[in-house]
Every structure is written in structure tokens, then in C-alpha cells.
Amino acid sequence: MNSIIQHLYSMLNGLWYQHQKDLDARDEHIADLEMIISNNKYEINELRSQLDQYQSVLSVYQPINKYHHTDNEHHRSGVSAPPSTLCTLIVWEKSNW
């Protein structure tokens, strides 16, 4: 009977250590993902800041007459809307460069 208890204790102890290893790996993966999210948020804020700067500069150079279009404006009119997400922007940038 004593050997059965020791065997069960050994099995439970092994399962507990394996469970702890799995939890540690999960916690490490969560920390990695949180760092990626944090970096993405920082990058999004930087891109928004740059976009605001570009929009403020571009608004100064808008033509006075809305109905007068340059050749460049006609060429750009093929794009209906700017990308709405960072992933879309990255895909769009790679496809156009």
C-alpha cells in the first residue's frame, strides 16, 4: 500500500511540475505578445502623428480653386480611400513599392 501511495505521489508531483512548465511557457508567450502589442500601439501613435503633420502641411498647399485639377491630382484620383488599418497600409505599401 505504501508503494502505491509513493507511486501516486511521484506521478502527481511529475504532473504538477509539467503543469508549472506549461504555465511558465504560457506566461512567457503572453509577455511576448504584450510587448508586441505595446510596440504596435507606439508605432500606430507615431504614424498618426506623422499623418497629422503631413495633413497639416498638405492642407496649406491645397489649390484655391477646387475645380482646378493638376495632372498629378487626376492621376491620384484612382485611389478611392486611404488604407484604414496598419496592416492594410503595410500591404498597400509593399504592393506599390
PDB file of N, CA and C in Angstrom:
ATOM      1  N   MET A   1       0.819  -1.188   0.000  1.00  0.00           N
ATOM      2  CA  MET A   1       0.000   0.000   0.000  1.00  0.00           C
ATOM      3  C   MET A   1       0.866   1.257   0.000  1.00  0.00           C
ATOM      4  N   ASN A   2       1.953   1.210   0.757  1.00  0.00           N
ATOM      5  CA  ASN A   2       2.848   2.349   0.847  1.00  0.00           C
ATOM      6  C   ASN A   2       3.508   2.645  -0.496  1.00  0.00           C
ATOM      7  N   SER A   3       3.847   1.589  -1.247  1.00  0.00           N
ATOM      8  CA  SER A   3       4.470   1.788  -2.553  1.00  0.00           C
ATOM      9  C   SER A   3       3.481   2.389  -3.551  1.00  0.00           C
ATOM     10  N   ILE A   4       2.221   2.061  -3.433  1.00  0.00           N
ATOM     11  CA  ILE A   4       1.199   2.639  -4.316  1.00  0.00           C
ATOM     12  C   ILE A   4       1.068   4.129  -4.046  1.00  0.00           C
ATOM     13  N   ILE A   5       1.065   4.506  -2.797  1.00  0.00           N
ATOM     14  CA  ILE A   5       0.963   5.919  -2.422  1.00  0.00           C
ATOM     15  C   ILE A   5       2.183   6.682  -2.923  1.00  0.00           C
ATOM     16  N   GLN A   6       3.359   6.099  -2.767  1.00  0.00           N
ATOM     17  CA  GLN A   6       4.574   6.753  -3.255  1.00  0.00           C
ATOM     18  C   GLN A   6       4.541   6.901  -4.777  1.00  0.00           C
ATOM     19  N   HIS A   7       4.055   5.874  -5.454  1.00  0.00           N
ATOM     20  CA  HIS A   7       3.960   5.935  -6.914  1.00  0.00           C
ATOM     21  C   HIS A   7       2.965   7.024  -7.339  1.00  0.00           C
ATOM     22  N   LEU A   8       1.809   7.086  -6.693  1.00  0.00           N
ATOM     23  CA  LEU A   8       0.817   8.126  -7.000  1.00  0.00           C
ATOM     24  C   LEU A   8       1.370   9.513  -6.696  1.00  0.00           C
ATOM     25  N   TYR A   9       2.079   9.645  -5.575  1.00  0.00           N
ATOM     26  CA  TYR A   9       2.683  10.921  -5.215  1.00  0.00           C
ATOM     27  C   TYR A   9       3.712  11.335  -6.270  1.00  0.00           C
ATOM     28  N   SER A  10       4.507  10.383  -6.730  1.00  0.00           N
ATOM     29  CA  SER A  10       5.509  10.656  -7.746  1.00  0.00           C
ATOM     30  C   SER A  10       4.840  11.093  -9.054  1.00  0.00           C
ATOM     31  N   MET A  11       3.772  10.423  -9.431  1.00  0.00           N
ATOM     32  CA  MET A  11       3.038  10.790 -10.646  1.00  0.00           C
ATOM     33  C   MET A  11       2.444  12.189 -10.528  1.00  0.00           C
ATOM     34  N   LEU A  12       1.806  12.465  -9.392  1.00  0.00           N
ATOM     35  CA  LEU A  12       1.214  13.786  -9.175  1.00  0.00           C
ATOM     36  C   LEU A  12       2.277  14.873  -9.159  1.00  0.00           C
ATOM     37  N   ASN A  13       3.398  14.573  -8.544  1.00  0.00           N
ATOM     38  CA  ASN A  13       4.499  15.529  -8.491  1.00  0.00           C
ATOM     39  C   ASN A  13       5.005  15.822  -9.907  1.00  0.00           C
ATOM     40  N   GLY A  14       5.154  14.793 -10.731  1.00  0.00           N
ATOM     41  CA  GLY A  14       5.580  14.972 -12.121  1.00  0.00           C
ATOM     42  C   GLY A  14       4.574  15.782 -12.922  1.00  0.00           C
ATOM     43  N   LEU A  15       3.282  15.493 -12.715  1.00  0.00           N
ATOM     44  CA  LEU A  15       2.238  16.258 -13.403  1.00  0.00           C
ATOM     45  C   LEU A  15       2.249  17.720 -12.969  1.00  0.00           C
ATOM     46  N   TRP A  16       2.474  17.946 -11.680  1.00  0.00           N
ATOM     47  CA  TRP A  16       2.500  19.317 -11.178  1.00  0.00           C
ATOM     48  C   TRP A  16       3.663  20.092 -11.808  1.00  0.00           C
ATOM     49  N   TYR A  17       4.843  19.479 -11.877  1.00  0.00           N
ATOM     50  CA  TYR A  17       5.992  20.152 -12.490  1.00  0.00           C
ATOM     51  C   TYR A  17       5.753  20.421 -13.978  1.00  0.00           C
ATOM     52  N   GLN A  18       5.147  19.467 -14.675  1.00  0.00           N
ATOM     53  CA  GLN A  18       4.846  19.668 -16.098  1.00  0.00           C
ATOM     54  C   GLN A  18       3.836  20.806 -16.268  1.00  0.00           C
ATOM     55  N   HIS A  19       2.855  20.825 -15.382  1.00  0.00           N
ATOM     56  CA  HIS A  19       1.853  21.895 -15.425  1.00  0.00           C
ATOM     57  C   HIS A  19       2.516  23.251 -15.176  1.00  0.00           C
ATOM     58  N   GLN A  20       3.429  23.322 -14.242  1.00  0.00           N
ATOM     59  CA  GLN A  20       4.154  24.564 -13.960  1.00  0.00           C
ATOM     60  C   GLN A  20       4.977  25.001 -15.169  1.00  0.00           C
ATOM     61  N   LYS A  21       5.636  24.049 -15.829  1.00  0.00           N
ATOM     62  CA  LYS A  21       6.402  24.377 -17.024  1.00  0.00           C
ATOM     63  C   LYS A  21       5.481  24.930 -18.112  1.00  0.00           C
ATOM     64  N   ASP A  22       4.324  24.305 -18.271  1.00  0.00           N
ATOM     65  CA  ASP A  22       3.362  24.783 -19.272  1.00  0.00           C
ATOM     66  C   ASP A  22       2.869  26.190 -18.927  1.00  0.00           C
ATOM     67  N   LEU A  23       2.597  26.424 -17.648  1.00  0.00           N
ATOM     68  CA  LEU A  23       2.150  27.758 -17.223  1.00  0.00           C
ATOM     69  C   LEU A  23       3.241  28.799 -17.438  1.00  0.00           C
ATOM     70  N   ASP A  24       4.485  28.444 -17.129  1.00  0.00           N
ATOM     71  CA  ASP A  24       5.601  29.370 -17.342  1.00  0.00           C
ATOM     72  C   ASP A  24       5.764  29.706 -18.824  1.00  0.00           C
ATOM     73  N   ALA A  25       5.637  28.685 -19.676  1.00  0.00           N
ATOM     74  CA  ALA A  25       5.745  28.914 -21.125  1.00  0.00           C
ATOM     75  C   ALA A  25       4.606  29.816 -21.597  1.00  0.00           C
ATOM     76  N   ARG A  26       3.413  29.574 -21.085  1.00  0.00           N
ATOM     77  CA  ARG A  26       2.262  30.409 -21.446  1.00  0.00           C
ATOM     78  C   ARG A  26       2.478  31.849 -20.995  1.00  0.00           C
ATOM     79  N   ASP A  27       2.952  32.022 -19.759  1.00  0.00           N
ATOM     80  CA  ASP A  27       3.198  33.373 -19.243  1.00  0.00           C
ATOM     81  C   ASP A  27       4.265  34.097 -20.064  1.00  0.00           C
ATOM     82  N   GLU A  28       5.284  33.364 -20.489  1.00  0.00           N
ATOM     83  CA  GLU A  28       6.327  33.968 -21.318  1.00  0.00           C
ATOM     84  C   GLU A  28       5.757  34.383 -22.678  1.00  0.00           C
ATOM     85  N   HIS A  29       4.909  33.535 -23.235  1.00  0.00           N
ATOM     86  CA  HIS A  29       4.278  33.852 -24.524  1.00  0.00           C
ATOM     87  C   HIS A  29       3.356  35.073 -24.373  1.00  0.00           C
ATOM     88  N   ILE A  30       2.624  35.143 -23.295  1.00  0.00           N
ATOM     89  CA  ILE A  30       1.746  36.297 -23.045  1.00  0.00           C
ATOM     90  C   ILE A  30       2.579  37.570 -22.926  1.00  0.00           C
ATOM     91  N   ALA A  31       3.703  37.498 -22.218  1.00  0.00           N
ATOM     92  CA  ALA A  31       4.576  38.673 -22.081  1.00  0.00           C
ATOM     93  C   ALA A  31       5.107  39.111 -23.441  1.00  0.00           C
ATOM     94  N   ASP A  32       5.471  38.145 -24.295  1.00  0.00           N
ATOM     95  CA  ASP A  32       5.934  38.484 -25.647  1.00  0.00           C
ATOM     96  C   ASP A  32       4.834  39.186 -26.439  1.00  0.00           C
ATOM     97  N   LEU A  33       3.628  38.647 -26.358  1.00  0.00           N
ATOM     98  CA  LEU A  33       2.504  39.239 -27.087  1.00  0.00           C
ATOM     99  C   LEU A  33       2.173  40.641 -26.561  1.00  0.00           C
ATOM    100  N   GLU A  34       2.267  40.828 -25.248  1.00  0.00           N
ATOM    101  CA  GLU A  34       2.020  42.158 -24.683  1.00  0.00           C
ATOM    102  C   GLU A  34       3.062  43.158 -25.168  1.00  0.00           C
ATOM    103  N   MET A  35       4.313  42.708 -25.317  1.00  0.00           N
ATOM    104  CA  MET A  35       5.356  43.591 -25.819  1.00  0.00           C
ATOM    105  C   MET A  35       5.074  43.959 -27.287  1.00  0.00           C
ATOM    106  N   ILE A  36       4.642  42.982 -28.070  1.00  0.00           N
ATOM    107  CA  ILE A  36       4.301  43.247 -29.469  1.00  0.00           C
ATOM    108  C   ILE A  36       3.156  44.241 -29.555  1.00  0.00           C
ATOM    109  N   ILE A  37       2.148  44.059 -28.721  1.00  0.00           N
ATOM    110  CA  ILE A  37       1.005  44.981 -28.707  1.00  0.00           C
ATOM    111  C   ILE A  37       1.464  46.381 -28.324  1.00  0.00           C
ATOM    112  N   SER A  38       2.310  46.467 -27.316  1.00  0.00           N
ATOM    113  CA  SER A  38       2.820  47.767 -26.885  1.00  0.00           C
ATOM    114  C   SER A  38       3.601  48.443 -28.005  1.00  0.00           C
ATOM    115  N   ASN A  39       4.455  47.681 -28.676  1.00  0.00           N
ATOM    116  CA  ASN A  39       5.220  48.235 -29.794  1.00  0.00           C
ATOM    117  C   ASN A  39       4.306  48.674 -30.926  1.00  0.00           C
ATOM    118  N   ASN A  40       3.266  47.873 -31.206  1.00  0.00           N
ATOM    119  CA  ASN A  40       2.315  48.244 -32.253  1.00  0.00           C
ATOM    120  C   ASN A  40       1.567  49.524 -31.895  1.00  0.00           C
ATOM    121  N   LYS A  41       1.180  49.665 -30.632  1.00  0.00           N
ATOM    122  CA  LYS A  41       0.491  50.887 -30.205  1.00  0.00           C
ATOM    123  C   LYS A  41       1.406  52.100 -30.368  1.00  0.00           C
ATOM    124  N   TYR A  42       2.684  51.929 -30.007  1.00  0.00           N
ATOM    125  CA  TYR A  42       3.652  53.016 -30.154  1.00  0.00           C
ATOM    126  C   TYR A  42       3.801  53.378 -31.627  1.00  0.00           C
ATOM    127  N   GLU A  43       3.924  52.356 -32.478  1.00  0.00           N
ATOM    128  CA  GLU A  43       4.081  52.603 -33.913  1.00  0.00           C
ATOM    129  C   GLU A  43       2.843  53.286 -34.491  1.00  0.00           C
ATOM    130  N   ILE A  44       1.679  52.857 -34.067  1.00  0.00           N
ATOM    131  CA  ILE A  44       0.440  53.486 -34.535  1.00  0.00           C
ATOM    132  C   ILE A  44       0.404  54.949 -34.131  1.00  0.00           C
ATOM    133  N   ASN A  45       0.782  55.245 -32.898  1.00  0.00           N
ATOM    134  CA  ASN A  45       0.798  56.638 -32.446  1.00  0.00           C
ATOM    135  C   ASN A  45       1.800  57.471 -33.241  1.00  0.00           C
ATOM    136  N   GLU A  46       2.966  56.884 -33.534  1.00  0.00           N
ATOM    137  CA  GLU A  46       3.961  57.588 -34.345  1.00  0.00           C
ATOM    138  C   GLU A  46       3.424  57.846 -35.751  1.00  0.00           C
ATOM    139  N   LEU A  47       2.794  56.837 -36.347  1.00  0.00           N
ATOM    140  CA  LEU A  47       2.243  57.002 -37.695  1.00  0.00           C
ATOM    141  C   LEU A  47       1.111  58.026 -37.714  1.00  0.00           C
ATOM    142  N   ARG A  48       0.278  58.026 -36.676  1.00  0.00           N
ATOM    143  CA  ARG A  48      -0.796  59.024 -36.597  1.00  0.00           C
ATOM    144  C   ARG A  48      -0.217  60.430 -36.486  1.00  0.00           C
ATOM    145  N   SER A  49       0.846  60.553 -35.696  1.00  0.00           N
ATOM    146  CA  SER A  49       1.494  61.850 -35.540  1.00  0.00           C
ATOM    147  C   SER A  49       2.060  62.320 -36.878  1.00  0.00           C
ATOM    148  N   GLN A  50       2.734  61.412 -37.582  1.00  0.00           N
ATOM    149  CA  GLN A  50       3.280  61.771 -38.899  1.00  0.00           C
ATOM    150  C   GLN A  50       2.167  62.119 -39.873  1.00  0.00           C
ATOM    151  N   LEU A  51       1.078  61.359 -39.834  1.00  0.00           N
ATOM    152  CA  LEU A  51      -0.055  61.627 -40.710  1.00  0.00           C
ATOM    153  C   LEU A  51      -0.633  63.010 -40.422  1.00  0.00           C
ATOM    154  N   ASP A  52      -0.771  63.342 -39.147  1.00  0.00           N
ATOM    155  CA  ASP A  52      -1.265  64.675 -38.787  1.00  0.00           C
ATOM    156  C   ASP A  52      -0.339  65.763 -39.316  1.00  0.00           C
ATOM    157  N   GLN A  53       0.963  65.533 -39.208  1.00  0.00           N
ATOM    158  CA  GLN A  53       1.920  66.517 -39.717  1.00  0.00           C
ATOM    159  C   GLN A  53       1.789  66.666 -41.229  1.00  0.00           C
ATOM    160  N   TYR A  54       1.711  65.531 -41.942  1.00  0.00           N
ATOM    161  CA  TYR A  54       1.588  65.584 -43.396  1.00  0.00           C
ATOM    162  C   TYR A  54       0.279  66.244 -43.812  1.00  0.00           C
ATOM    163  N   GLN A  55      -0.799  65.920 -43.096  1.00  0.00           N
ATOM    164  CA  GLN A  55      -2.081  66.519 -43.445  1.00  0.00           C
ATOM    165  C   GLN A  55      -2.069  68.021 -43.211  1.00  0.00           C
ATOM    166  N   SER A  56      -1.403  68.461 -42.150  1.00  0.00           N
ATOM    167  CA  SER A  56      -1.350  69.900 -41.892  1.00  0.00           C
ATOM    168  C   SER A  56      -0.515  70.600 -42.962  1.00  0.00           C
ATOM    169  N   VAL A  57       0.552  69.955 -43.434  1.00  0.00           N
ATOM    170  CA  VAL A  57       1.370  70.542 -44.494  1.00  0.00           C
ATOM    171  C   VAL A  57       0.601  70.538 -45.810  1.00  0.00           C
ATOM    172  N   LEU A  58      -0.052  69.423 -46.108  1.00  0.00           N
ATOM    173  CA  LEU A  58      -0.793  69.318 -47.368  1.00  0.00           C
ATOM    174  C   LEU A  58      -1.974  70.278 -47.408  1.00  0.00           C
ATOM    175  N   SER A  59      -2.602  70.541 -46.270  1.00  0.00           N
ATOM    176  CA  SER A  59      -3.745  71.450 -46.266  1.00  0.00           C
ATOM    177  C   SER A  59      -3.317  72.864 -46.627  1.00  0.00           C
ATOM    178  N   VAL A  60      -2.074  73.234 -46.353  1.00  0.00           N
ATOM    179  CA  VAL A  60      -1.558  74.549 -46.711  1.00  0.00           C
ATOM    180  C   VAL A  60      -1.407  74.660 -48.223  1.00  0.00           C
ATOM    181  N   TYR A  61      -1.080  73.548 -48.882  1.00  0.00           N
ATOM    182  CA  TYR A  61      -0.807  73.560 -50.316  1.00  0.00           C
ATOM    183  C   TYR A  61      -2.014  73.161 -51.167  1.00  0.00           C
ATOM    184  N   GLN A  62      -3.189  73.113 -50.597  1.00  0.00           N
ATOM    185  CA  GLN A  62      -4.384  72.792 -51.376  1.00  0.00           C
ATOM    186  C   GLN A  62      -4.648  73.913 -52.368  1.00  0.00           C
ATOM    187  N   PRO A  63      -5.067  73.585 -53.599  1.00  0.00           N
ATOM    188  CA  PRO A  63      -5.357  74.646 -54.564  1.00  0.00           C
ATOM    189  C   PRO A  63      -6.528  75.504 -54.093  1.00  0.00           C
ATOM    190  N   ILE A  64      -6.454  76.776 -54.426  1.00  0.00           N
ATOM    191  CA  ILE A  64      -7.515  77.706 -54.015  1.00  0.00           C
ATOM    192  C   ILE A  64      -8.814  77.353 -54.720  1.00  0.00           C
ATOM    193  N   ASN A  65      -8.747  77.059 -55.992  1.00  0.00           N
ATOM    194  CA  ASN A  65      -9.925  76.717 -56.761  1.00  0.00           C
ATOM    195  C   ASN A  65     -10.116  75.202 -56.710  1.00  0.00           C
ATOM    196  N   LYS A  66     -11.225  74.744 -56.136  1.00  0.00           N
ATOM    197  CA  LYS A  66     -11.469  73.319 -56.001  1.00  0.00           C
ATOM    198  C   LYS A  66     -11.661  72.643 -57.364  1.00  0.00           C
ATOM    199  N   TYR A  67     -12.081  73.402 -58.348  1.00  0.00           N
ATOM    200  CA  TYR A  67     -12.387  72.811 -59.645  1.00  0.00           C
ATOM    201  C   TYR A  67     -11.192  72.776 -60.579  1.00  0.00           C
ATOM    202  N   HIS A  68     -10.079  73.352 -60.177  1.00  0.00           N
ATOM    203  CA  HIS A  68      -8.868  73.325 -60.976  1.00  0.00           C
ATOM    204  C   HIS A  68      -8.025  72.140 -60.515  1.00  0.00           C
ATOM    205  N   HIS A  69      -7.861  71.142 -61.390  1.00  0.00           N
ATOM    206  CA  HIS A  69      -7.099  69.945 -61.033  1.00  0.00           C
ATOM    207  C   HIS A  69      -5.825  69.890 -61.857  1.00  0.00           C
ATOM    208  N   THR A  70      -4.755  69.539 -61.189  1.00  0.00           N
ATOM    209  CA  THR A  70      -3.492  69.358 -61.905  1.00  0.00           C
ATOM    210  C   THR A  70      -3.452  67.936 -62.457  1.00  0.00           C
ATOM    211  N   ASP A  71      -2.503  67.677 -63.336  1.00  0.00           N
ATOM    212  CA  ASP A  71      -2.355  66.328 -63.890  1.00  0.00           C
ATOM    213  C   ASP A  71      -2.084  65.311 -62.786  1.00  0.00           C
ATOM    214  N   ASN A  72      -1.320  65.715 -61.817  1.00  0.00           N
ATOM    215  CA  ASN A  72      -0.990  64.817 -60.704  1.00  0.00           C
ATOM    216  C   ASN A  72      -2.248  64.457 -59.910  1.00  0.00           C
ATOM    217  N   GLU A  73      -3.132  65.408 -59.725  1.00  0.00           N
ATOM    218  CA  GLU A  73      -4.361  65.132 -58.983  1.00  0.00           C
ATOM    219  C   GLU A  73      -5.246  64.168 -59.750  1.00  0.00           C
ATOM    220  N   HIS A  74      -5.299  64.293 -61.070  1.00  0.00           N
ATOM    221  CA  HIS A  74      -6.082  63.356 -61.862  1.00  0.00           C
ATOM    222  C   HIS A  74      -5.500  61.952 -61.757  1.00  0.00           C
ATOM    223  N   HIS A  75      -4.192  61.853 -61.739  1.00  0.00           N
ATOM    224  CA  HIS A  75      -3.527  60.558 -61.615  1.00  0.00           C
ATOM    225  C   HIS A  75      -3.838  59.926 -60.256  1.00  0.00           C
ATOM    226  N   ARG A  76      -3.848  60.724 -59.201  1.00  0.00           N
ATOM    227  CA  ARG A  76      -4.098  60.201 -57.851  1.00  0.00           C
ATOM    228  C   ARG A  76      -5.558  59.862 -57.634  1.00  0.00           C
ATOM    229  N   SER A  77      -6.450  60.353 -58.454  1.00  0.00           N
ATOM    230  CA  SER A  77      -7.873  60.150 -58.196  1.00  0.00           C
ATOM    231  C   SER A  77      -8.288  58.691 -58.327  1.00  0.00           C
ATOM    232  N   GLY A  78      -7.411  57.810 -58.819  1.00  0.00           N
ATOM    233  CA  GLY A  78      -7.730  56.392 -58.910  1.00  0.00           C
ATOM    234  C   GLY A  78      -7.818  55.724 -57.560  1.00  0.00           C
ATOM    235  N   VAL A  79      -7.242  56.297 -56.529  1.00  0.00           N
ATOM    236  CA  VAL A  79      -7.307  55.734 -55.186  1.00  0.00           C
ATOM    237  C   VAL A  79      -8.539  56.307 -54.517  1.00  0.00           C
ATOM    238  N   SER A  80      -9.470  55.430 -54.129  1.00  0.00           N
ATOM    239  CA  SER A  80     -10.741  55.909 -53.607  1.00  0.00           C
ATOM    240  C   SER A  80     -10.676  56.318 -52.146  1.00  0.00           C
ATOM    241  N   ALA A  81      -9.841  55.636 -51.358  1.00  0.00           N
ATOM    242  CA  ALA A  81      -9.764  55.960 -49.931  1.00  0.00           C
ATOM    243  C   ALA A  81      -8.423  55.483 -49.401  1.00  0.00           C
ATOM    244  N   PRO A  82      -7.911  56.149 -48.374  1.00  0.00           N
ATOM    245  CA  PRO A  82      -6.647  55.704 -47.791  1.00  0.00           C
ATOM    246  C   PRO A  82      -6.853  54.410 -47.011  1.00  0.00           C
ATOM    247  N   PRO A  83      -5.802  53.624 -46.824  1.00  0.00           N
ATOM    248  CA  PRO A  83      -5.930  52.396 -46.028  1.00  0.00           C
ATOM    249  C   PRO A  83      -6.399  52.731 -44.615  1.00  0.00           C
ATOM    250  N   SER A  84      -7.237  51.855 -44.056  1.00  0.00           N
ATOM    251  CA  SER A  84      -7.831  52.161 -42.759  1.00  0.00           C
ATOM    252  C   SER A  84      -7.094  51.515 -41.593  1.00  0.00           C
ATOM    253  N   THR A  85      -6.270  50.536 -41.843  1.00  0.00           N
ATOM    254  CA  THR A  85      -5.552  49.893 -40.742  1.00  0.00           C
ATOM    255  C   THR A  85      -4.075  49.811 -41.070  1.00  0.00           C
ATOM    256  N   LEU A  86      -3.296  49.580 -40.046  1.00  0.00           N
ATOM    257  CA  LEU A  86      -1.849  49.475 -40.211  1.00  0.00           C
ATOM    258  C   LEU A  86      -1.508  48.305 -41.119  1.00  0.00           C
ATOM    259  N   CYS A  87      -2.185  47.172 -40.939  1.00  0.00           N
ATOM    260  CA  CYS A  87      -1.910  46.006 -41.793  1.00  0.00           C
ATOM    261  C   CYS A  87      -2.228  46.330 -43.245  1.00  0.00           C
ATOM    262  N   THR A  88      -3.346  47.003 -43.488  1.00  0.00           N
ATOM    263  CA  THR A  88      -3.704  47.388 -44.847  1.00  0.00           C
ATOM    264  C   THR A  88      -2.659  48.329 -45.406  1.00  0.00           C
ATOM    265  N   LEU A  89      -2.188  49.248 -44.586  1.00  0.00           N
ATOM    266  CA  LEU A  89      -1.170  50.197 -45.013  1.00  0.00           C
ATOM    267  C   LEU A  89       0.118  49.472 -45.398  1.00  0.00           C
ATOM    268  N   ILE A  90       0.515  48.500 -44.606  1.00  0.00           N
ATOM    269  CA  ILE A  90       1.740  47.755 -44.895  1.00  0.00           C
ATOM    270  C   ILE A  90       1.592  46.964 -46.189  1.00  0.00           C
ATOM    271  N   VAL A  91       0.447  46.301 -46.377  1.00  0.00           N
ATOM    272  CA  VAL A  91       0.210  45.547 -47.614  1.00  0.00           C
ATOM    273  C   VAL A  91       0.182  46.500 -48.794  1.00  0.00           C
ATOM    274  N   TRP A  92      -0.488  47.616 -48.647  1.00  0.00           N
ATOM    275  CA  TRP A  92      -0.586  48.614 -49.715  1.00  0.00           C
ATOM    276  C   TRP A  92       0.804  49.152 -50.064  1.00  0.00           C
ATOM    277  N   GLU A  93       1.598  49.431 -49.026  1.00  0.00           N
ATOM    278  CA  GLU A  93       2.935  49.975 -49.263  1.00  0.00           C
ATOM    279  C   GLU A  93       3.811  48.964 -50.000  1.00  0.00           C
ATOM    280  N   LYS A  94       3.738  47.695 -49.613  1.00  0.00           N
ATOM    281  CA  LYS A  94       4.559  46.683 -50.270  1.00  0.00           C
ATOM    282  C   LYS A  94       4.117  46.466 -51.715  1.00  0.00           C
ATOM    283  N   SER A  95       2.827  46.571 -51.986  1.00  0.00           N
ATOM    284  CA  SER A  95       2.355  46.331 -53.338  1.00  0.00           C
ATOM    285  C   SER A  95       2.684  47.488 -54.257  1.00  0.00           C
ATOM    286  N   ASN A  96       2.851  48.691 -53.723  1.00  0.00           N
ATOM    287  CA  ASN A  96       3.128  49.852 -54.548  1.00  0.00           C
ATOM    288  C   ASN A  96       4.603  50.181 -54.663  1.00  0.00           C
ATOM    289  N   TRP A  97       5.451  49.533 -53.919  1.00  0.00           N
ATOM    290  CA  TRP A  97       6.882  49.843 -53.982  1.00  0.00           C
ATOM    291  C   TRP A  97       7.526  48.683 -54.596  1.00  0.00           C
TER     292      TRP A  97
END
